[in-house]
């Protein structure tokens, strides 16, 4: 099982944390609001603990469960405290009208994180193509991207412990396209599918 730290106390942190505890993982919750972090850790149960903001995370895998515009600044603020860690970015940088990405150019939040993270840390993009309600009650595929094979193997093992299937899409530059997939899911929810109870996945066909 994995040792994870969730930076954030919102809905995605709560959902991933609950799955992580149920999967037998060690969970630490960290937030700027210490009472909220304490409360979430208590609500998760299963030995979940609340860490101190800015301190070295207890988890080998650090999941930034934050809005996209807060991810890079927080990673930069943590600095060397993230040395040797696997940083998992789950954010979606959507524009205000949800019909494009907030950043310009072929980059991603995960790629920008890699620029400010310690060189010994590894960055993986994951979970951004799955709606929270589907994570809570479904068993979706979880796409991930990253440059470090060992880091991706660790994240894949964590995803597997949640009862989900990890699917590696390639190097970290593919995080840009995963963010585009996140945008597609929102478009489908508002149009072709018409609801939020679905997830993109990969079906295999044989001749």
N, C-alpha and C. Protein backbone atom coordinates (compact mmCIF):
# COMPACT_ATOMS: atom_id res chain seq x y z
N UNK A 1 0.83 -1.19 0.00
CA UNK A 1 0.00 0.00 0.00
C UNK A 1 0.88 1.26 0.00
N UNK A 2 0.26 2.39 -0.29
CA UNK A 2 1.01 3.63 -0.46
C UNK A 2 0.86 4.55 0.75
N UNK A 3 1.79 5.47 0.84
CA UNK A 3 1.74 6.52 1.84
C UNK A 3 1.51 7.83 1.10
N UNK A 4 0.39 8.49 1.35
CA UNK A 4 0.06 9.70 0.59
C UNK A 4 -0.20 10.89 1.51
N UNK A 5 0.09 12.06 0.98
CA UNK A 5 -0.28 13.31 1.62
C UNK A 5 -1.18 14.07 0.66
N UNK A 6 -2.32 14.48 1.16
CA UNK A 6 -3.25 15.31 0.40
C UNK A 6 -3.05 16.76 0.81
N UNK A 7 -2.65 17.60 -0.13
CA UNK A 7 -2.58 19.03 0.15
C UNK A 7 -3.89 19.64 -0.35
N UNK A 8 -4.74 20.00 0.58
CA UNK A 8 -6.06 20.51 0.24
C UNK A 8 -7.10 19.84 1.12
N UNK A 9 -8.21 20.53 1.34
CA UNK A 9 -9.26 20.01 2.21
C UNK A 9 -10.64 20.06 1.56
N UNK A 10 -10.66 20.22 0.23
CA UNK A 10 -11.93 20.33 -0.48
C UNK A 10 -12.52 18.98 -0.83
N UNK A 11 -13.49 19.01 -1.76
CA UNK A 11 -14.24 17.81 -2.10
C UNK A 11 -13.39 16.71 -2.71
N UNK A 12 -12.45 17.07 -3.59
CA UNK A 12 -11.62 16.04 -4.20
C UNK A 12 -10.67 15.43 -3.18
N UNK A 13 -10.16 16.23 -2.26
CA UNK A 13 -9.30 15.70 -1.20
C UNK A 13 -10.10 14.72 -0.34
N UNK A 14 -11.33 15.07 -0.04
CA UNK A 14 -12.18 14.20 0.77
C UNK A 14 -12.47 12.89 0.04
N UNK A 15 -12.78 12.98 -1.25
CA UNK A 15 -13.13 11.79 -2.01
C UNK A 15 -11.93 10.86 -2.19
N UNK A 16 -10.81 11.42 -2.64
CA UNK A 16 -9.62 10.59 -2.82
C UNK A 16 -9.14 10.06 -1.48
N UNK A 17 -9.22 10.87 -0.44
CA UNK A 17 -8.82 10.43 0.88
C UNK A 17 -9.65 9.26 1.38
N UNK A 18 -10.95 9.33 1.17
CA UNK A 18 -11.83 8.24 1.61
C UNK A 18 -11.51 6.95 0.87
N UNK A 19 -11.27 7.05 -0.44
CA UNK A 19 -10.90 5.86 -1.22
C UNK A 19 -9.56 5.32 -0.77
N UNK A 20 -8.63 6.22 -0.48
CA UNK A 20 -7.29 5.81 -0.06
C UNK A 20 -7.34 5.06 1.27
N UNK A 21 -8.11 5.57 2.22
CA UNK A 21 -8.24 4.90 3.51
C UNK A 21 -8.89 3.53 3.32
N UNK A 22 -9.95 3.48 2.51
CA UNK A 22 -10.63 2.21 2.27
C UNK A 22 -9.70 1.21 1.59
N UNK A 23 -8.75 1.71 0.81
CA UNK A 23 -7.80 0.84 0.12
C UNK A 23 -6.61 0.43 0.97
N UNK A 24 -6.60 0.85 2.23
CA UNK A 24 -5.52 0.44 3.13
C UNK A 24 -4.28 1.30 3.08
N UNK A 25 -4.37 2.46 2.47
CA UNK A 25 -3.22 3.36 2.38
C UNK A 25 -3.09 4.24 3.62
N UNK A 26 -1.87 4.74 3.84
CA UNK A 26 -1.62 5.69 4.92
C UNK A 26 -1.89 7.09 4.39
N UNK A 27 -2.72 7.85 5.10
CA UNK A 27 -3.17 9.15 4.58
C UNK A 27 -2.86 10.28 5.56
N UNK A 28 -2.25 11.33 5.02
CA UNK A 28 -2.04 12.58 5.76
C UNK A 28 -2.78 13.69 5.03
N UNK A 29 -3.43 14.56 5.76
CA UNK A 29 -4.15 15.71 5.19
C UNK A 29 -3.46 16.99 5.64
N UNK A 30 -3.23 17.90 4.70
CA UNK A 30 -2.61 19.18 5.02
C UNK A 30 -3.43 20.30 4.40
N UNK A 31 -3.65 21.36 5.14
CA UNK A 31 -4.36 22.52 4.62
C UNK A 31 -3.90 23.78 5.32
N UNK A 32 -4.08 24.91 4.66
CA UNK A 32 -3.73 26.19 5.30
C UNK A 32 -4.57 26.43 6.55
N UNK A 33 -5.82 25.97 6.48
CA UNK A 33 -6.73 26.08 7.62
C UNK A 33 -6.56 24.81 8.46
N UNK A 34 -5.80 24.89 9.53
CA UNK A 34 -5.48 23.71 10.33
C UNK A 34 -6.72 23.02 10.89
N UNK A 35 -7.72 23.76 11.41
CA UNK A 35 -8.93 23.09 11.90
C UNK A 35 -9.65 22.28 10.80
N UNK A 36 -9.64 22.80 9.57
CA UNK A 36 -10.26 22.05 8.47
C UNK A 36 -9.48 20.77 8.19
N UNK A 37 -8.15 20.86 8.20
CA UNK A 37 -7.32 19.68 7.98
C UNK A 37 -7.55 18.66 9.09
N UNK A 38 -7.60 19.13 10.32
CA UNK A 38 -7.86 18.24 11.46
C UNK A 38 -9.22 17.56 11.31
N UNK A 39 -10.21 18.35 10.90
CA UNK A 39 -11.57 17.82 10.76
C UNK A 39 -11.67 16.79 9.66
N UNK A 40 -11.00 17.04 8.54
CA UNK A 40 -11.05 16.08 7.44
C UNK A 40 -10.35 14.79 7.81
N UNK A 41 -9.20 14.90 8.46
CA UNK A 41 -8.48 13.70 8.89
C UNK A 41 -9.35 12.86 9.83
N UNK A 42 -10.02 13.52 10.75
CA UNK A 42 -10.90 12.81 11.69
C UNK A 42 -12.06 12.16 10.95
N UNK A 43 -12.63 12.88 9.96
CA UNK A 43 -13.76 12.34 9.20
C UNK A 43 -13.35 11.14 8.36
N UNK A 44 -12.13 11.16 7.83
CA UNK A 44 -11.66 10.05 7.01
C UNK A 44 -11.45 8.79 7.85
N UNK A 45 -11.00 8.97 9.09
CA UNK A 45 -10.76 7.82 9.95
C UNK A 45 -9.62 6.96 9.43
N UNK A 46 -9.61 5.70 9.82
CA UNK A 46 -8.60 4.77 9.32
C UNK A 46 -7.18 5.17 9.63
N UNK A 47 -6.99 5.92 10.71
CA UNK A 47 -5.64 6.35 11.07
C UNK A 47 -5.13 7.55 10.31
N UNK A 48 -6.00 8.21 9.53
CA UNK A 48 -5.59 9.41 8.80
C UNK A 48 -5.14 10.48 9.79
N UNK A 49 -4.11 11.21 9.43
CA UNK A 49 -3.56 12.25 10.30
C UNK A 49 -3.58 13.61 9.61
N UNK A 50 -3.44 14.65 10.39
CA UNK A 50 -3.35 16.01 9.85
C UNK A 50 -1.93 16.50 10.03
N UNK A 51 -1.32 16.93 8.93
CA UNK A 51 0.03 17.46 8.99
C UNK A 51 0.04 18.96 9.17
N UNK A 52 1.23 19.52 9.16
CA UNK A 52 1.41 20.96 9.33
C UNK A 52 1.75 21.60 7.99
N UNK A 53 1.08 22.67 7.66
CA UNK A 53 1.29 23.35 6.39
C UNK A 53 2.76 23.77 6.25
N UNK A 54 3.36 23.41 5.10
CA UNK A 54 4.72 23.81 4.80
C UNK A 54 5.79 22.85 5.29
N UNK A 55 5.42 21.93 6.18
CA UNK A 55 6.38 20.95 6.69
C UNK A 55 6.60 19.85 5.65
N UNK A 56 7.64 19.05 5.83
CA UNK A 56 7.89 17.94 4.92
C UNK A 56 6.71 16.97 4.98
N UNK A 57 6.04 16.69 3.86
CA UNK A 57 4.91 15.78 3.87
C UNK A 57 5.31 14.38 4.31
N UNK A 58 4.43 13.73 5.05
CA UNK A 58 4.71 12.37 5.50
C UNK A 58 4.61 11.37 4.36
N UNK A 59 3.77 11.66 3.38
CA UNK A 59 3.54 10.73 2.28
C UNK A 59 4.64 10.75 1.23
N UNK A 60 4.90 9.58 0.66
CA UNK A 60 5.82 9.52 -0.48
C UNK A 60 5.18 10.10 -1.73
N UNK A 61 3.84 9.98 -1.80
CA UNK A 61 3.06 10.55 -2.91
C UNK A 61 2.30 11.75 -2.36
N UNK A 62 2.50 12.90 -2.97
CA UNK A 62 1.85 14.14 -2.52
C UNK A 62 0.85 14.57 -3.59
N UNK A 63 -0.42 14.56 -3.25
CA UNK A 63 -1.48 14.91 -4.19
C UNK A 63 -1.94 16.34 -3.91
N UNK A 64 -1.78 17.20 -4.90
CA UNK A 64 -2.19 18.60 -4.74
C UNK A 64 -3.66 18.72 -5.14
N UNK A 65 -4.53 18.57 -4.17
CA UNK A 65 -5.98 18.63 -4.41
C UNK A 65 -6.43 20.08 -4.26
N UNK A 66 -6.01 20.89 -5.22
CA UNK A 66 -6.22 22.34 -5.18
C UNK A 66 -6.77 22.83 -6.51
N UNK A 67 -7.36 24.02 -6.50
CA UNK A 67 -7.75 24.65 -7.76
C UNK A 67 -6.48 24.93 -8.56
N UNK A 68 -6.62 24.90 -9.89
CA UNK A 68 -5.43 24.93 -10.74
C UNK A 68 -4.52 26.12 -10.49
N UNK A 69 -5.09 27.29 -10.19
CA UNK A 69 -4.26 28.47 -10.04
C UNK A 69 -3.49 28.51 -8.72
N UNK A 70 -3.79 27.55 -7.84
CA UNK A 70 -3.06 27.49 -6.58
C UNK A 70 -1.97 26.44 -6.56
N UNK A 71 -1.95 25.57 -7.56
CA UNK A 71 -1.03 24.42 -7.51
C UNK A 71 0.43 24.84 -7.61
N UNK A 72 0.78 25.58 -8.65
CA UNK A 72 2.18 25.98 -8.84
C UNK A 72 2.68 26.84 -7.69
N UNK A 73 1.92 27.85 -7.23
CA UNK A 73 2.40 28.63 -6.09
C UNK A 73 2.63 27.80 -4.83
N UNK A 74 1.77 26.82 -4.58
CA UNK A 74 1.94 26.00 -3.38
C UNK A 74 3.17 25.11 -3.49
N UNK A 75 3.38 24.52 -4.66
CA UNK A 75 4.57 23.69 -4.85
C UNK A 75 5.83 24.54 -4.70
N UNK A 76 5.79 25.75 -5.23
CA UNK A 76 6.94 26.65 -5.09
C UNK A 76 7.15 27.03 -3.62
N UNK A 77 6.06 27.25 -2.91
CA UNK A 77 6.15 27.60 -1.49
C UNK A 77 6.75 26.45 -0.68
N UNK A 78 6.36 25.23 -0.98
CA UNK A 78 6.88 24.07 -0.26
C UNK A 78 8.36 23.85 -0.56
N UNK A 79 8.76 24.13 -1.79
CA UNK A 79 10.17 24.05 -2.16
C UNK A 79 10.82 22.72 -1.82
N UNK A 80 11.94 22.78 -1.10
CA UNK A 80 12.73 21.58 -0.81
C UNK A 80 12.01 20.59 0.09
N UNK A 81 10.90 20.98 0.70
CA UNK A 81 10.12 20.03 1.50
C UNK A 81 9.56 18.91 0.63
N UNK A 82 9.51 19.13 -0.69
CA UNK A 82 8.98 18.13 -1.62
C UNK A 82 10.10 17.33 -2.30
N UNK A 83 11.32 17.51 -1.86
CA UNK A 83 12.45 16.78 -2.45
C UNK A 83 12.23 15.28 -2.34
N UNK A 84 12.41 14.57 -3.44
CA UNK A 84 12.27 13.13 -3.46
C UNK A 84 10.85 12.62 -3.49
N UNK A 85 9.87 13.51 -3.49
CA UNK A 85 8.47 13.11 -3.47
C UNK A 85 7.93 12.92 -4.89
N UNK A 86 6.84 12.18 -5.00
CA UNK A 86 6.07 12.10 -6.24
C UNK A 86 4.91 13.06 -6.08
N UNK A 87 4.86 14.08 -6.91
CA UNK A 87 3.81 15.10 -6.84
C UNK A 87 2.76 14.79 -7.89
N UNK A 88 1.52 14.62 -7.46
CA UNK A 88 0.43 14.30 -8.39
C UNK A 88 -0.48 15.52 -8.52
N UNK A 89 -0.52 16.06 -9.73
CA UNK A 89 -1.40 17.20 -10.04
C UNK A 89 -2.70 16.68 -10.61
N UNK A 90 -3.83 17.03 -9.98
CA UNK A 90 -5.14 16.53 -10.42
C UNK A 90 -6.01 17.65 -11.00
N UNK A 91 -5.43 18.83 -11.18
CA UNK A 91 -6.23 20.02 -11.51
C UNK A 91 -6.61 20.11 -12.98
N UNK A 92 -7.62 20.91 -13.25
CA UNK A 92 -8.04 21.23 -14.61
C UNK A 92 -8.06 22.75 -14.77
N UNK A 93 -7.17 23.31 -15.58
CA UNK A 93 -7.10 24.76 -15.77
C UNK A 93 -8.08 25.25 -16.83
N UNK A 94 -9.36 25.25 -16.52
CA UNK A 94 -10.37 25.69 -17.47
C UNK A 94 -10.50 27.20 -17.45
N UNK A 95 -10.88 27.76 -18.61
CA UNK A 95 -11.16 29.19 -18.65
C UNK A 95 -12.53 29.46 -18.05
N UNK A 96 -12.91 30.72 -17.98
CA UNK A 96 -14.13 31.11 -17.28
C UNK A 96 -15.40 30.57 -17.94
N UNK A 97 -15.33 30.31 -19.26
CA UNK A 97 -16.51 29.82 -19.98
C UNK A 97 -16.48 28.31 -20.20
N UNK A 98 -15.49 27.64 -19.67
CA UNK A 98 -15.38 26.19 -19.76
C UNK A 98 -15.39 25.67 -21.20
N UNK A 99 -14.77 26.46 -22.09
CA UNK A 99 -14.66 26.00 -23.48
C UNK A 99 -13.22 26.12 -23.97
N UNK A 100 -12.30 26.21 -23.05
CA UNK A 100 -10.88 26.29 -23.39
C UNK A 100 -10.04 26.19 -22.13
N UNK A 101 -8.73 26.07 -22.32
CA UNK A 101 -7.82 26.01 -21.18
C UNK A 101 -7.35 27.41 -20.79
N UNK A 102 -7.08 27.60 -19.52
CA UNK A 102 -6.73 28.92 -19.02
C UNK A 102 -5.34 29.36 -19.45
N UNK A 103 -4.45 28.41 -19.66
CA UNK A 103 -3.09 28.79 -20.05
C UNK A 103 -2.96 28.81 -21.57
N UNK A 104 -1.99 29.56 -22.04
CA UNK A 104 -1.75 29.64 -23.47
C UNK A 104 -0.57 28.74 -23.82
N UNK A 105 -0.57 28.22 -25.02
CA UNK A 105 0.53 27.38 -25.44
C UNK A 105 0.34 25.93 -25.05
N UNK A 106 1.22 25.09 -25.54
CA UNK A 106 1.12 23.66 -25.31
C UNK A 106 1.84 23.29 -24.02
N UNK A 107 1.26 23.68 -22.91
CA UNK A 107 1.79 23.35 -21.60
C UNK A 107 0.67 22.80 -20.75
N UNK A 108 0.91 22.65 -19.46
CA UNK A 108 -0.09 22.13 -18.53
C UNK A 108 0.30 22.57 -17.14
N UNK A 109 -0.64 22.49 -16.22
CA UNK A 109 -0.31 22.80 -14.84
C UNK A 109 0.81 21.88 -14.34
N UNK A 110 0.72 20.59 -14.71
CA UNK A 110 1.73 19.63 -14.26
C UNK A 110 3.12 19.99 -14.78
N UNK A 111 3.20 20.42 -16.04
CA UNK A 111 4.50 20.82 -16.60
C UNK A 111 5.04 22.07 -15.91
N UNK A 112 4.15 22.98 -15.56
CA UNK A 112 4.58 24.18 -14.84
C UNK A 112 5.02 23.83 -13.42
N UNK A 113 4.36 22.84 -12.81
CA UNK A 113 4.77 22.36 -11.49
C UNK A 113 6.20 21.83 -11.55
N UNK A 114 6.49 21.05 -12.60
CA UNK A 114 7.82 20.46 -12.75
C UNK A 114 8.91 21.52 -12.80
N UNK A 115 8.57 22.71 -13.28
CA UNK A 115 9.56 23.79 -13.39
C UNK A 115 9.95 24.37 -12.03
N UNK A 116 9.03 24.29 -11.06
CA UNK A 116 9.30 24.91 -9.76
C UNK A 116 9.57 23.88 -8.67
N UNK A 117 9.30 22.60 -8.95
CA UNK A 117 9.53 21.54 -7.96
C UNK A 117 11.02 21.23 -7.84
N UNK A 118 11.45 20.66 -6.71
CA UNK A 118 12.85 20.23 -6.58
C UNK A 118 13.21 19.25 -7.69
N UNK A 119 14.44 19.27 -8.12
CA UNK A 119 14.85 18.39 -9.23
C UNK A 119 14.73 16.91 -8.87
N UNK A 120 14.78 16.60 -7.58
CA UNK A 120 14.66 15.20 -7.16
C UNK A 120 13.21 14.74 -7.05
N UNK A 121 12.26 15.65 -7.20
CA UNK A 121 10.84 15.29 -7.17
C UNK A 121 10.40 14.87 -8.57
N UNK A 122 9.36 14.07 -8.64
CA UNK A 122 8.77 13.65 -9.91
C UNK A 122 7.32 14.11 -9.96
N UNK A 123 6.87 14.54 -11.14
CA UNK A 123 5.51 15.04 -11.29
C UNK A 123 4.70 14.11 -12.17
N UNK A 124 3.50 13.80 -11.72
CA UNK A 124 2.58 12.96 -12.48
C UNK A 124 1.24 13.66 -12.56
N UNK A 125 0.63 13.66 -13.73
CA UNK A 125 -0.72 14.17 -13.91
C UNK A 125 -1.68 12.98 -13.82
N UNK A 126 -2.73 13.10 -13.03
CA UNK A 126 -3.69 12.00 -12.90
C UNK A 126 -4.99 12.52 -12.30
N UNK A 127 -6.04 11.75 -12.46
CA UNK A 127 -7.36 11.98 -11.86
C UNK A 127 -8.15 13.14 -12.46
N UNK A 128 -7.55 13.93 -13.35
CA UNK A 128 -8.25 15.14 -13.80
C UNK A 128 -9.37 14.88 -14.79
N UNK A 129 -9.45 13.67 -15.35
CA UNK A 129 -10.51 13.38 -16.33
C UNK A 129 -11.72 12.70 -15.69
N UNK A 130 -11.72 12.60 -14.36
CA UNK A 130 -12.80 11.90 -13.66
C UNK A 130 -13.55 12.87 -12.75
N UNK A 131 -14.86 12.94 -12.90
CA UNK A 131 -15.67 13.78 -12.03
C UNK A 131 -15.69 13.19 -10.61
N UNK A 132 -15.82 14.07 -9.63
CA UNK A 132 -15.80 13.63 -8.23
C UNK A 132 -16.92 12.63 -7.94
N UNK A 133 -18.12 12.87 -8.45
CA UNK A 133 -19.23 11.96 -8.16
C UNK A 133 -19.00 10.57 -8.73
N UNK A 134 -18.26 10.49 -9.85
CA UNK A 134 -17.95 9.19 -10.44
C UNK A 134 -16.89 8.48 -9.59
N UNK A 135 -15.93 9.23 -9.07
CA UNK A 135 -14.94 8.64 -8.18
C UNK A 135 -15.61 8.07 -6.93
N UNK A 136 -16.63 8.76 -6.45
CA UNK A 136 -17.30 8.34 -5.23
C UNK A 136 -18.05 7.02 -5.39
N UNK A 137 -18.66 6.81 -6.56
CA UNK A 137 -19.54 5.64 -6.68
C UNK A 137 -19.24 4.74 -7.87
N UNK A 138 -18.21 5.07 -8.65
CA UNK A 138 -17.91 4.27 -9.83
C UNK A 138 -16.52 3.67 -9.79
N UNK A 139 -16.17 2.99 -10.86
CA UNK A 139 -14.83 2.41 -10.99
C UNK A 139 -14.25 2.81 -12.34
N UNK A 140 -13.96 4.10 -12.49
CA UNK A 140 -13.48 4.59 -13.79
C UNK A 140 -12.02 4.29 -14.05
N UNK A 141 -11.62 4.39 -15.32
CA UNK A 141 -10.21 4.37 -15.67
C UNK A 141 -9.60 5.70 -15.24
N UNK A 142 -8.35 5.67 -14.80
CA UNK A 142 -7.65 6.89 -14.41
C UNK A 142 -6.43 7.05 -15.31
N UNK A 143 -6.46 8.05 -16.18
CA UNK A 143 -5.33 8.32 -17.07
C UNK A 143 -4.24 9.08 -16.31
N UNK A 144 -3.00 8.80 -16.67
CA UNK A 144 -1.90 9.49 -16.01
C UNK A 144 -0.75 9.71 -16.98
N UNK A 145 0.03 10.75 -16.71
CA UNK A 145 1.18 11.09 -17.55
C UNK A 145 2.33 11.53 -16.66
N UNK A 146 3.55 11.17 -17.07
CA UNK A 146 4.73 11.58 -16.30
C UNK A 146 5.99 11.08 -16.97
N UNK A 147 7.11 11.67 -16.62
CA UNK A 147 8.39 11.32 -17.25
C UNK A 147 9.15 10.23 -16.50
N UNK A 148 8.86 10.05 -15.23
CA UNK A 148 9.62 9.09 -14.41
C UNK A 148 8.84 7.78 -14.29
N UNK A 149 9.41 6.71 -14.83
CA UNK A 149 8.72 5.41 -14.85
C UNK A 149 8.45 4.89 -13.44
N UNK A 150 9.42 5.07 -12.53
CA UNK A 150 9.23 4.58 -11.16
C UNK A 150 8.11 5.34 -10.46
N UNK A 151 8.06 6.65 -10.68
CA UNK A 151 7.01 7.47 -10.08
C UNK A 151 5.65 7.05 -10.60
N UNK A 152 5.56 6.81 -11.91
CA UNK A 152 4.28 6.38 -12.49
C UNK A 152 3.87 5.01 -11.97
N UNK A 153 4.86 4.14 -11.75
CA UNK A 153 4.55 2.81 -11.19
C UNK A 153 3.98 2.95 -9.79
N UNK A 154 4.54 3.86 -9.00
CA UNK A 154 4.03 4.09 -7.64
C UNK A 154 2.61 4.64 -7.67
N UNK A 155 2.36 5.59 -8.58
CA UNK A 155 1.03 6.17 -8.69
C UNK A 155 0.04 5.13 -9.21
N UNK A 156 0.49 4.31 -10.16
CA UNK A 156 -0.37 3.24 -10.69
C UNK A 156 -0.76 2.27 -9.59
N UNK A 157 0.20 1.92 -8.72
CA UNK A 157 -0.10 1.02 -7.61
C UNK A 157 -1.11 1.65 -6.66
N UNK A 158 -0.97 2.95 -6.41
CA UNK A 158 -1.93 3.65 -5.56
C UNK A 158 -3.32 3.64 -6.19
N UNK A 159 -3.38 3.97 -7.47
CA UNK A 159 -4.68 3.96 -8.17
C UNK A 159 -5.30 2.57 -8.11
N UNK A 160 -4.49 1.55 -8.30
CA UNK A 160 -5.00 0.17 -8.22
C UNK A 160 -5.55 -0.16 -6.86
N UNK A 161 -4.94 0.40 -5.79
CA UNK A 161 -5.43 0.14 -4.43
C UNK A 161 -6.81 0.73 -4.20
N UNK A 162 -7.19 1.68 -5.03
CA UNK A 162 -8.52 2.30 -4.93
C UNK A 162 -9.58 1.49 -5.68
N UNK A 163 -9.15 0.42 -6.32
CA UNK A 163 -10.06 -0.38 -7.13
C UNK A 163 -10.28 0.19 -8.51
N UNK A 164 -9.37 1.05 -8.95
CA UNK A 164 -9.48 1.71 -10.25
C UNK A 164 -8.37 1.22 -11.17
N UNK A 165 -8.55 1.43 -12.48
CA UNK A 165 -7.54 0.99 -13.44
C UNK A 165 -6.71 2.16 -13.92
N UNK A 166 -5.39 2.13 -13.65
CA UNK A 166 -4.51 3.20 -14.15
C UNK A 166 -4.15 2.95 -15.61
N UNK A 167 -4.15 4.02 -16.41
CA UNK A 167 -3.77 3.92 -17.81
C UNK A 167 -2.74 5.01 -18.12
N UNK A 168 -1.54 4.58 -18.47
CA UNK A 168 -0.42 5.47 -18.74
C UNK A 168 -0.51 5.99 -20.17
N UNK A 169 -0.55 7.32 -20.33
CA UNK A 169 -0.65 7.90 -21.68
C UNK A 169 0.69 8.42 -22.19
N UNK A 170 1.75 8.31 -21.38
CA UNK A 170 3.06 8.74 -21.85
C UNK A 170 3.73 9.75 -20.96
N UNK A 171 4.63 10.53 -21.55
CA UNK A 171 5.43 11.50 -20.80
C UNK A 171 4.63 12.68 -20.30
N UNK A 172 5.29 13.53 -19.54
CA UNK A 172 4.59 14.64 -18.89
C UNK A 172 4.01 15.63 -19.89
N UNK A 173 4.59 15.72 -21.09
CA UNK A 173 4.02 16.63 -22.09
C UNK A 173 2.60 16.22 -22.46
N UNK A 174 2.26 14.96 -22.23
CA UNK A 174 0.89 14.50 -22.51
C UNK A 174 -0.12 15.05 -21.50
N UNK A 175 0.38 15.65 -20.41
CA UNK A 175 -0.52 16.25 -19.43
C UNK A 175 -1.37 17.34 -20.06
N UNK A 176 -0.80 18.04 -21.05
CA UNK A 176 -1.56 19.07 -21.77
C UNK A 176 -2.81 18.47 -22.40
N UNK A 177 -2.65 17.30 -22.98
CA UNK A 177 -3.77 16.66 -23.67
C UNK A 177 -4.73 16.02 -22.68
N UNK A 178 -4.22 15.61 -21.52
CA UNK A 178 -5.13 15.13 -20.48
C UNK A 178 -6.01 16.27 -19.98
N UNK A 179 -5.44 17.46 -19.88
CA UNK A 179 -6.26 18.61 -19.50
C UNK A 179 -7.31 18.89 -20.57
N UNK A 180 -6.94 18.67 -21.84
CA UNK A 180 -7.91 18.80 -22.91
C UNK A 180 -9.02 17.76 -22.79
N UNK A 181 -8.65 16.54 -22.37
CA UNK A 181 -9.66 15.50 -22.15
C UNK A 181 -10.60 15.89 -21.02
N UNK A 182 -10.05 16.55 -20.00
CA UNK A 182 -10.90 17.05 -18.92
C UNK A 182 -11.93 18.03 -19.45
N UNK A 183 -11.49 18.86 -20.38
CA UNK A 183 -12.39 19.83 -21.00
C UNK A 183 -13.46 19.11 -21.83
N UNK A 184 -13.06 18.05 -22.52
CA UNK A 184 -14.02 17.27 -23.31
C UNK A 184 -15.09 16.66 -22.42
N UNK A 185 -14.71 16.17 -21.24
CA UNK A 185 -15.72 15.57 -20.36
C UNK A 185 -16.77 16.60 -19.94
N UNK A 186 -16.33 17.83 -19.70
CA UNK A 186 -17.27 18.89 -19.34
C UNK A 186 -18.20 19.18 -20.52
N UNK A 187 -17.63 19.22 -21.74
CA UNK A 187 -18.44 19.44 -22.93
C UNK A 187 -19.46 18.34 -23.13
N UNK A 188 -19.07 17.10 -22.90
CA UNK A 188 -19.99 15.98 -23.03
C UNK A 188 -21.08 16.04 -21.97
N UNK A 189 -20.71 16.42 -20.75
CA UNK A 189 -21.70 16.51 -19.67
C UNK A 189 -22.78 17.53 -20.00
N UNK A 190 -22.39 18.62 -20.67
CA UNK A 190 -23.35 19.66 -20.98
C UNK A 190 -24.07 19.48 -22.30
N UNK A 191 -23.61 18.51 -23.10
CA UNK A 191 -24.19 18.35 -24.43
C UNK A 191 -24.53 16.89 -24.74
N UNK A 192 -23.59 16.15 -25.33
CA UNK A 192 -23.91 14.83 -25.86
C UNK A 192 -24.35 13.81 -24.85
N UNK A 193 -23.75 13.81 -23.64
CA UNK A 193 -24.17 12.87 -22.60
C UNK A 193 -25.29 13.47 -21.76
N UNK A 194 -25.13 14.73 -21.42
CA UNK A 194 -26.21 15.45 -20.75
C UNK A 194 -26.27 15.28 -19.24
N UNK A 195 -25.30 14.61 -18.64
CA UNK A 195 -25.24 14.48 -17.18
C UNK A 195 -23.79 14.23 -16.78
N UNK A 196 -23.57 14.13 -15.48
CA UNK A 196 -22.20 14.05 -14.96
C UNK A 196 -21.82 12.65 -14.50
N UNK A 197 -22.69 11.69 -14.67
CA UNK A 197 -22.44 10.34 -14.18
C UNK A 197 -21.80 9.45 -15.24
N UNK A 198 -20.63 9.85 -15.71
CA UNK A 198 -19.92 9.07 -16.71
C UNK A 198 -18.43 9.41 -16.62
N UNK A 199 -17.63 8.61 -17.28
CA UNK A 199 -16.19 8.87 -17.35
C UNK A 199 -15.65 8.36 -18.67
N UNK A 200 -14.62 9.01 -19.17
CA UNK A 200 -13.93 8.52 -20.35
C UNK A 200 -13.09 7.31 -19.97
N UNK A 201 -12.98 6.34 -20.88
CA UNK A 201 -12.21 5.14 -20.60
C UNK A 201 -11.70 4.53 -21.87
N UNK A 202 -11.04 3.40 -21.73
CA UNK A 202 -10.49 2.70 -22.89
C UNK A 202 -11.08 1.30 -22.95
N UNK A 203 -11.75 0.99 -24.04
CA UNK A 203 -12.29 -0.34 -24.27
C UNK A 203 -11.38 -1.07 -25.25
N UNK A 204 -11.11 -2.33 -24.98
CA UNK A 204 -10.24 -3.11 -25.85
C UNK A 204 -11.07 -4.03 -26.73
N UNK A 205 -10.70 -4.08 -28.00
CA UNK A 205 -11.43 -4.91 -28.95
C UNK A 205 -10.47 -5.91 -29.60
N UNK A 206 -10.92 -7.10 -29.80
CA UNK A 206 -10.11 -8.11 -30.48
C UNK A 206 -10.79 -8.54 -31.77
N UNK A 207 -9.98 -8.95 -32.74
CA UNK A 207 -10.54 -9.38 -34.00
C UNK A 207 -11.30 -10.68 -33.87
